[in-house]
Amino acid sequence: MSDRKFSVHARHIDSHHARLVSESSFVAAAIAYVEDLETGGDSSEISVIVRDVASGHEQCFRIDLDTGEVNGCG
């Protein structure tokens, strides 16, 4: 599967602070964003919004920073 462009930002941060990520899927883009993110807090979980740049489709994911487990926001 070829890489697509995604705009990713933490749910608690305004979307104008989003980072562009090239990945094969929404989940891969969320993980790539979190791998480079300095959380600086006590929370072991973060929610991120991932938007496909071409289609505008968005998905939200909760990522456990301790285990790496990824779940949809709900």
PDB file of N, CA and C in Angstrom:
ATOM      1  N   MET A   1       0.848  -1.183   0.000  1.00  0.00           N
ATOM      2  CA  MET A   1       0.000   0.000   0.000  1.00  0.00           C
ATOM      3  C   MET A   1       0.890   1.241   0.000  1.00  0.00           C
ATOM      4  N   SER A   2       0.574   2.190  -0.831  1.00  0.00           N
ATOM      5  CA  SER A   2       1.410   3.393  -0.919  1.00  0.00           C
ATOM      6  C   SER A   2       1.062   4.379   0.196  1.00  0.00           C
ATOM      7  N   ASP A   3       2.045   5.226   0.497  1.00  0.00           N
ATOM      8  CA  ASP A   3       1.856   6.219   1.549  1.00  0.00           C
ATOM      9  C   ASP A   3       0.875   7.304   1.111  1.00  0.00           C
ATOM     10  N   ARG A   4       0.118   7.793   2.080  1.00  0.00           N
ATOM     11  CA  ARG A   4      -0.807   8.901   1.891  1.00  0.00           C
ATOM     12  C   ARG A   4      -0.399  10.012   2.845  1.00  0.00           C
ATOM     13  N   LYS A   5      -0.843  11.216   2.577  1.00  0.00           N
ATOM     14  CA  LYS A   5      -0.556  12.357   3.452  1.00  0.00           C
ATOM     15  C   LYS A   5      -1.677  12.501   4.475  1.00  0.00           C
ATOM     16  N   PHE A   6      -1.290  12.612   5.732  1.00  0.00           N
ATOM     17  CA  PHE A   6      -2.229  12.814   6.821  1.00  0.00           C
ATOM     18  C   PHE A   6      -1.812  14.034   7.633  1.00  0.00           C
ATOM     19  N   SER A   7      -2.787  14.748   8.122  1.00  0.00           N
ATOM     20  CA  SER A   7      -2.570  15.844   9.059  1.00  0.00           C
ATOM     21  C   SER A   7      -2.964  15.302  10.426  1.00  0.00           C
ATOM     22  N   VAL A   8      -2.041  15.358  11.387  1.00  0.00           N
ATOM     23  CA  VAL A   8      -2.277  14.751  12.693  1.00  0.00           C
ATOM     24  C   VAL A   8      -2.004  15.770  13.794  1.00  0.00           C
ATOM     25  N   HIS A   9      -2.909  15.811  14.774  1.00  0.00           N
ATOM     26  CA  HIS A   9      -2.679  16.651  15.949  1.00  0.00           C
ATOM     27  C   HIS A   9      -3.302  16.013  17.174  1.00  0.00           C
ATOM     28  N   ALA A  10      -2.728  16.324  18.322  1.00  0.00           N
ATOM     29  CA  ALA A  10      -3.293  15.842  19.579  1.00  0.00           C
ATOM     30  C   ALA A  10      -4.661  16.490  19.757  1.00  0.00           C
ATOM     31  N   ARG A  11      -5.592  15.746  20.293  1.00  0.00           N
ATOM     32  CA  ARG A  11      -6.966  16.221  20.429  1.00  0.00           C
ATOM     33  C   ARG A  11      -7.052  17.490  21.273  1.00  0.00           C
ATOM     34  N   HIS A  12      -6.165  17.639  22.255  1.00  0.00           N
ATOM     35  CA  HIS A  12      -6.211  18.791  23.151  1.00  0.00           C
ATOM     36  C   HIS A  12      -5.466  20.009  22.593  1.00  0.00           C
ATOM     37  N   ILE A  13      -4.896  19.876  21.381  1.00  0.00           N
ATOM     38  CA  ILE A  13      -4.141  20.963  20.744  1.00  0.00           C
ATOM     39  C   ILE A  13      -4.914  21.417  19.505  1.00  0.00           C
ATOM     40  N   ASP A  14      -4.932  22.719  19.242  1.00  0.00           N
ATOM     41  CA  ASP A  14      -5.615  23.245  18.065  1.00  0.00           C
ATOM     42  C   ASP A  14      -5.063  22.628  16.788  1.00  0.00           C
ATOM     43  N   SER A  15      -5.959  22.464  15.803  1.00  0.00           N
ATOM     44  CA  SER A  15      -5.574  21.802  14.559  1.00  0.00           C
ATOM     45  C   SER A  15      -4.516  22.573  13.766  1.00  0.00           C
ATOM     46  N   HIS A  16      -4.372  23.882  14.008  1.00  0.00           N
ATOM     47  CA  HIS A  16      -3.335  24.613  13.271  1.00  0.00           C
ATOM     48  C   HIS A  16      -1.930  24.226  13.731  1.00  0.00           C
ATOM     49  N   HIS A  17      -1.824  23.408  14.773  1.00  0.00           N
ATOM     50  CA  HIS A  17      -0.535  22.878  15.227  1.00  0.00           C
ATOM     51  C   HIS A  17      -0.309  21.452  14.716  1.00  0.00           C
ATOM     52  N   ALA A  18      -1.103  21.054  13.737  1.00  0.00           N
ATOM     53  CA  ALA A  18      -1.000  19.687  13.202  1.00  0.00           C
ATOM     54  C   ALA A  18       0.323  19.492  12.471  1.00  0.00           C
ATOM     55  N   ARG A  19       0.717  18.230  12.395  1.00  0.00           N
ATOM     56  CA  ARG A  19       1.930  17.857  11.675  1.00  0.00           C
ATOM     57  C   ARG A  19       1.545  16.988  10.484  1.00  0.00           C
ATOM     58  N   LEU A  20       2.156  17.200   9.327  1.00  0.00           N
ATOM     59  CA  LEU A  20       1.911  16.353   8.164  1.00  0.00           C
ATOM     60  C   LEU A  20       2.754  15.096   8.271  1.00  0.00           C
ATOM     61  N   VAL A  21       2.107  13.965   8.012  1.00  0.00           N
ATOM     62  CA  VAL A  21       2.755  12.663   8.127  1.00  0.00           C
ATOM     63  C   VAL A  21       2.430  11.862   6.875  1.00  0.00           C
ATOM     64  N   SER A  22       3.411  11.187   6.301  1.00  0.00           N
ATOM     65  CA  SER A  22       3.190  10.277   5.168  1.00  0.00           C
ATOM     66  C   SER A  22       3.232   8.852   5.695  1.00  0.00           C
ATOM     67  N   GLU A  23       2.096   8.175   5.633  1.00  0.00           N
ATOM     68  CA  GLU A  23       2.001   6.793   6.112  1.00  0.00           C
ATOM     69  C   GLU A  23       0.988   6.036   5.264  1.00  0.00           C
ATOM     70  N   SER A  24       0.891   4.742   5.490  1.00  0.00           N
ATOM     71  CA  SER A  24       0.003   3.902   4.694  1.00  0.00           C
ATOM     72  C   SER A  24      -1.427   3.851   5.226  1.00  0.00           C
ATOM     73  N   SER A  25      -1.638   4.249   6.492  1.00  0.00           N
ATOM     74  CA  SER A  25      -2.982   4.142   7.072  1.00  0.00           C
ATOM     75  C   SER A  25      -3.181   5.188   8.166  1.00  0.00           C
ATOM     76  N   PHE A  26      -4.430   5.359   8.570  1.00  0.00           N
ATOM     77  CA  PHE A  26      -4.749   6.274   9.660  1.00  0.00           C
ATOM     78  C   PHE A  26      -4.015   5.871  10.941  1.00  0.00           C
ATOM     79  N   VAL A  27      -4.042   4.589  11.271  1.00  0.00           N
ATOM     80  CA  VAL A  27      -3.401   4.106  12.504  1.00  0.00           C
ATOM     81  C   VAL A  27      -1.891   4.333  12.453  1.00  0.00           C
ATOM     82  N   ALA A  28      -1.273   4.022  11.317  1.00  0.00           N
ATOM     83  CA  ALA A  28       0.175   4.229  11.177  1.00  0.00           C
ATOM     84  C   ALA A  28       0.522   5.703  11.341  1.00  0.00           C
ATOM     85  N   ALA A  29      -0.315   6.592  10.811  1.00  0.00           N
ATOM     86  CA  ALA A  29      -0.074   8.032  10.953  1.00  0.00           C
ATOM     87  C   ALA A  29      -0.192   8.456  12.415  1.00  0.00           C
ATOM     88  N   ALA A  30      -1.173   7.926  13.132  1.00  0.00           N
ATOM     89  CA  ALA A  30      -1.345   8.253  14.555  1.00  0.00           C
ATOM     90  C   ALA A  30      -0.128   7.810  15.356  1.00  0.00           C
ATOM     91  N   ILE A  31       0.353   6.608  15.093  1.00  0.00           N
ATOM     92  CA  ILE A  31       1.510   6.073  15.813  1.00  0.00           C
ATOM     93  C   ILE A  31       2.768   6.883  15.486  1.00  0.00           C
ATOM     94  N   ALA A  32       2.969   7.224  14.216  1.00  0.00           N
ATOM     95  CA  ALA A  32       4.141   8.016  13.826  1.00  0.00           C
ATOM     96  C   ALA A  32       4.135   9.366  14.531  1.00  0.00           C
ATOM     97  N   TYR A  33       2.970   9.980  14.642  1.00  0.00           N
ATOM     98  CA  TYR A  33       2.855  11.270  15.321  1.00  0.00           C
ATOM     99  C   TYR A  33       3.239  11.132  16.790  1.00  0.00           C
ATOM    100  N   VAL A  34       2.698  10.122  17.449  1.00  0.00           N
ATOM    101  CA  VAL A  34       2.941   9.943  18.881  1.00  0.00           C
ATOM    102  C   VAL A  34       4.394   9.567  19.157  1.00  0.00           C
ATOM    103  N   GLU A  35       5.019   8.823  18.269  1.00  0.00           N
ATOM    104  CA  GLU A  35       6.428   8.451  18.464  1.00  0.00           C
ATOM    105  C   GLU A  35       7.332   9.674  18.545  1.00  0.00           C
ATOM    106  N   ASP A  36       6.973  10.748  17.850  1.00  0.00           N
ATOM    107  CA  ASP A  36       7.790  11.965  17.849  1.00  0.00           C
ATOM    108  C   ASP A  36       7.282  13.030  18.809  1.00  0.00           C
ATOM    109  N   LEU A  37       6.234  12.727  19.554  1.00  0.00           N
ATOM    110  CA  LEU A  37       5.598  13.713  20.424  1.00  0.00           C
ATOM    111  C   LEU A  37       6.231  13.706  21.808  1.00  0.00           C
ATOM    112  N   GLU A  38       6.505  14.890  22.307  1.00  0.00           N
ATOM    113  CA  GLU A  38       6.972  15.037  23.686  1.00  0.00           C
ATOM    114  C   GLU A  38       5.728  15.284  24.534  1.00  0.00           C
ATOM    115  N   THR A  39       5.296  14.287  25.297  1.00  0.00           N
ATOM    116  CA  THR A  39       4.055  14.427  26.055  1.00  0.00           C
ATOM    117  C   THR A  39       4.231  15.321  27.269  1.00  0.00           C
ATOM    118  N   GLY A  40       5.320  15.195  27.985  1.00  0.00           N
ATOM    119  CA  GLY A  40       5.612  16.074  29.096  1.00  0.00           C
ATOM    120  C   GLY A  40       4.581  16.067  30.205  1.00  0.00           C
ATOM    121  N   GLY A  41       3.778  15.056  30.296  1.00  0.00           N
ATOM    122  CA  GLY A  41       2.766  15.014  31.339  1.00  0.00           C
ATOM    123  C   GLY A  41       2.738  13.669  32.033  1.00  0.00           C
ATOM    124  N   ASP A  42       1.815  13.546  32.983  1.00  0.00           N
ATOM    125  CA  ASP A  42       1.696  12.303  33.740  1.00  0.00           C
ATOM    126  C   ASP A  42       0.726  11.325  33.096  1.00  0.00           C
ATOM    127  N   SER A  43       0.021  11.761  32.073  1.00  0.00           N
ATOM    128  CA  SER A  43      -0.971  10.911  31.432  1.00  0.00           C
ATOM    129  C   SER A  43      -0.286   9.781  30.670  1.00  0.00           C
ATOM    130  N   SER A  44      -0.876   8.600  30.735  1.00  0.00           N
ATOM    131  CA  SER A  44      -0.322   7.466  29.998  1.00  0.00           C
ATOM    132  C   SER A  44      -1.124   7.222  28.720  1.00  0.00           C
ATOM    133  N   GLU A  45      -2.011   8.157  28.382  1.00  0.00           N
ATOM    134  CA  GLU A  45      -2.835   8.012  27.188  1.00  0.00           C
ATOM    135  C   GLU A  45      -2.965   9.362  26.492  1.00  0.00           C
ATOM    136  N   ILE A  46      -3.038   9.315  25.173  1.00  0.00           N
ATOM    137  CA  ILE A  46      -3.247  10.540  24.397  1.00  0.00           C
ATOM    138  C   ILE A  46      -4.258  10.249  23.296  1.00  0.00           C
ATOM    139  N   SER A  47      -5.067  11.235  22.983  1.00  0.00           N
ATOM    140  CA  SER A  47      -6.002  11.130  21.864  1.00  0.00           C
ATOM    141  C   SER A  47      -5.496  12.019  20.740  1.00  0.00           C
ATOM    142  N   VAL A  48      -5.523  11.468  19.524  1.00  0.00           N
ATOM    143  CA  VAL A  48      -5.071  12.229  18.362  1.00  0.00           C
ATOM    144  C   VAL A  48      -6.143  12.188  17.274  1.00  0.00           C
ATOM    145  N   ILE A  49      -6.194  13.283  16.504  1.00  0.00           N
ATOM    146  CA  ILE A  49      -7.084  13.381  15.357  1.00  0.00           C
ATOM    147  C   ILE A  49      -6.232  13.238  14.106  1.00  0.00           C
ATOM    148  N   VAL A  50      -6.617  12.304  13.235  1.00  0.00           N
ATOM    149  CA  VAL A  50      -5.887  12.050  11.999  1.00  0.00           C
ATOM    150  C   VAL A  50      -6.823  12.375  10.833  1.00  0.00           C
ATOM    151  N   ARG A  51      -6.376  13.278   9.948  1.00  0.00           N
ATOM    152  CA  ARG A  51      -7.190  13.677   8.793  1.00  0.00           C
ATOM    153  C   ARG A  51      -6.441  13.349   7.514  1.00  0.00           C
ATOM    154  N   ASP A  52      -7.108  12.624   6.618  1.00  0.00           N
ATOM    155  CA  ASP A  52      -6.559  12.343   5.296  1.00  0.00           C
ATOM    156  C   ASP A  52      -6.592  13.650   4.515  1.00  0.00           C
ATOM    157  N   VAL A  53      -5.437  14.134   4.082  1.00  0.00           N
ATOM    158  CA  VAL A  53      -5.342  15.433   3.423  1.00  0.00           C
ATOM    159  C   VAL A  53      -6.146  15.442   2.115  1.00  0.00           C
ATOM    160  N   ALA A  54      -6.105  14.352   1.358  1.00  0.00           N
ATOM    161  CA  ALA A  54      -6.779  14.305   0.057  1.00  0.00           C
ATOM    162  C   ALA A  54      -8.297  14.275   0.184  1.00  0.00           C
ATOM    163  N   SER A  55      -8.818  13.474   1.104  1.00  0.00           N
ATOM    164  CA  SER A  55     -10.273  13.295   1.197  1.00  0.00           C
ATOM    165  C   SER A  55     -10.922  14.151   2.279  1.00  0.00           C
ATOM    166  N   GLY A  56     -10.136  14.577   3.269  1.00  0.00           N
ATOM    167  CA  GLY A  56     -10.688  15.329   4.396  1.00  0.00           C
ATOM    168  C   GLY A  56     -11.302  14.440   5.463  1.00  0.00           C
ATOM    169  N   HIS A  57     -11.328  13.123   5.248  1.00  0.00           N
ATOM    170  CA  HIS A  57     -11.892  12.190   6.224  1.00  0.00           C
ATOM    171  C   HIS A  57     -11.040  12.190   7.487  1.00  0.00           C
ATOM    172  N   GLU A  58     -11.697  12.229   8.658  1.00  0.00           N
ATOM    173  CA  GLU A  58     -10.992  12.244   9.941  1.00  0.00           C
ATOM    174  C   GLU A  58     -11.335  11.024  10.777  1.00  0.00           C
ATOM    175  N   GLN A  59     -10.359  10.606  11.568  1.00  0.00           N
ATOM    176  CA  GLN A  59     -10.560   9.563  12.562  1.00  0.00           C
ATOM    177  C   GLN A  59      -9.838   9.981  13.837  1.00  0.00           C
ATOM    178  N   CYS A  60     -10.390   9.561  14.969  1.00  0.00           N
ATOM    179  CA  CYS A  60      -9.793   9.853  16.270  1.00  0.00           C
ATOM    180  C   CYS A  60      -9.311   8.546  16.889  1.00  0.00           C
ATOM    181  N   PHE A  61      -8.133   8.594  17.502  1.00  0.00           N
ATOM    182  CA  PHE A  61      -7.566   7.412  18.140  1.00  0.00           C
ATOM    183  C   PHE A  61      -7.067   7.751  19.539  1.00  0.00           C
ATOM    184  N   ARG A  62      -7.245   6.812  20.473  1.00  0.00           N
ATOM    185  CA  ARG A  62      -6.648   6.890  21.808  1.00  0.00           C
ATOM    186  C   ARG A  62      -5.465   5.934  21.803  1.00  0.00           C
ATOM    187  N   ILE A  63      -4.316   6.435  22.217  1.00  0.00           N
ATOM    188  CA  ILE A  63      -3.106   5.612  22.219  1.00  0.00           C
ATOM    189  C   ILE A  63      -2.567   5.530  23.632  1.00  0.00           C
ATOM    190  N   ASP A  64      -2.395   4.305  24.122  1.00  0.00           N
ATOM    191  CA  ASP A  64      -1.797   4.072  25.433  1.00  0.00           C
ATOM    192  C   ASP A  64      -0.294   4.202  25.280  1.00  0.00           C
ATOM    193  N   LEU A  65       0.281   5.192  25.940  1.00  0.00           N
ATOM    194  CA  LEU A  65       1.713   5.473  25.785  1.00  0.00           C
ATOM    195  C   LEU A  65       2.586   4.420  26.453  1.00  0.00           C
ATOM    196  N   ASP A  66       2.029   3.643  27.365  1.00  0.00           N
ATOM    197  CA  ASP A  66       2.802   2.594  28.029  1.00  0.00           C
ATOM    198  C   ASP A  66       2.860   1.316  27.205  1.00  0.00           C
ATOM    199  N   THR A  67       1.719   0.947  26.604  1.00  0.00           N
ATOM    200  CA  THR A  67       1.648  -0.327  25.873  1.00  0.00           C
ATOM    201  C   THR A  67       1.674  -0.171  24.363  1.00  0.00           C
ATOM    202  N   GLY A  68       1.363   1.036  23.867  1.00  0.00           N
ATOM    203  CA  GLY A  68       1.273   1.243  22.423  1.00  0.00           C
ATOM    204  C   GLY A  68      -0.049   0.814  21.836  1.00  0.00           C
ATOM    205  N   GLU A  69      -0.978   0.372  22.665  1.00  0.00           N
ATOM    206  CA  GLU A  69      -2.296  -0.056  22.184  1.00  0.00           C
ATOM    207  C   GLU A  69      -3.059   1.126  21.598  1.00  0.00           C
ATOM    208  N   VAL A  70      -3.684   0.901  20.442  1.00  0.00           N
ATOM    209  CA  VAL A  70      -4.423   1.952  19.738  1.00  0.00           C
ATOM    210  C   VAL A  70      -5.891   1.545  19.653  1.00  0.00           C
ATOM    211  N   ASN A  71      -6.769   2.466  20.076  1.00  0.00           N
ATOM    212  CA  ASN A  71      -8.215   2.245  20.006  1.00  0.00           C
ATOM    213  C   ASN A  71      -8.869   3.491  19.431  1.00  0.00           C
ATOM    214  N   GLY A  72     -10.023   3.315  18.814  1.00  0.00           N
ATOM    215  CA  GLY A  72     -10.787   4.459  18.348  1.00  0.00           C
ATOM    216  C   GLY A  72     -11.357   5.229  19.528  1.00  0.00           C
ATOM    217  N   CYS A  73     -11.532   6.536  19.339  1.00  0.00           N
ATOM    218  CA  CYS A  73     -12.190   7.342  20.366  1.00  0.00           C
ATOM    219  C   CYS A  73     -13.669   6.977  20.340  1.00  0.00           C
ATOM    220  N   GLY A  74     -14.280   7.019  21.484  1.00  0.00           N
ATOM    221  CA  GLY A  74     -15.682   6.642  21.460  1.00  0.00           C
ATOM    222  C   GLY A  74     -16.532   7.215  22.451  1.00  0.00           C
TER     223      GLY A  74
END
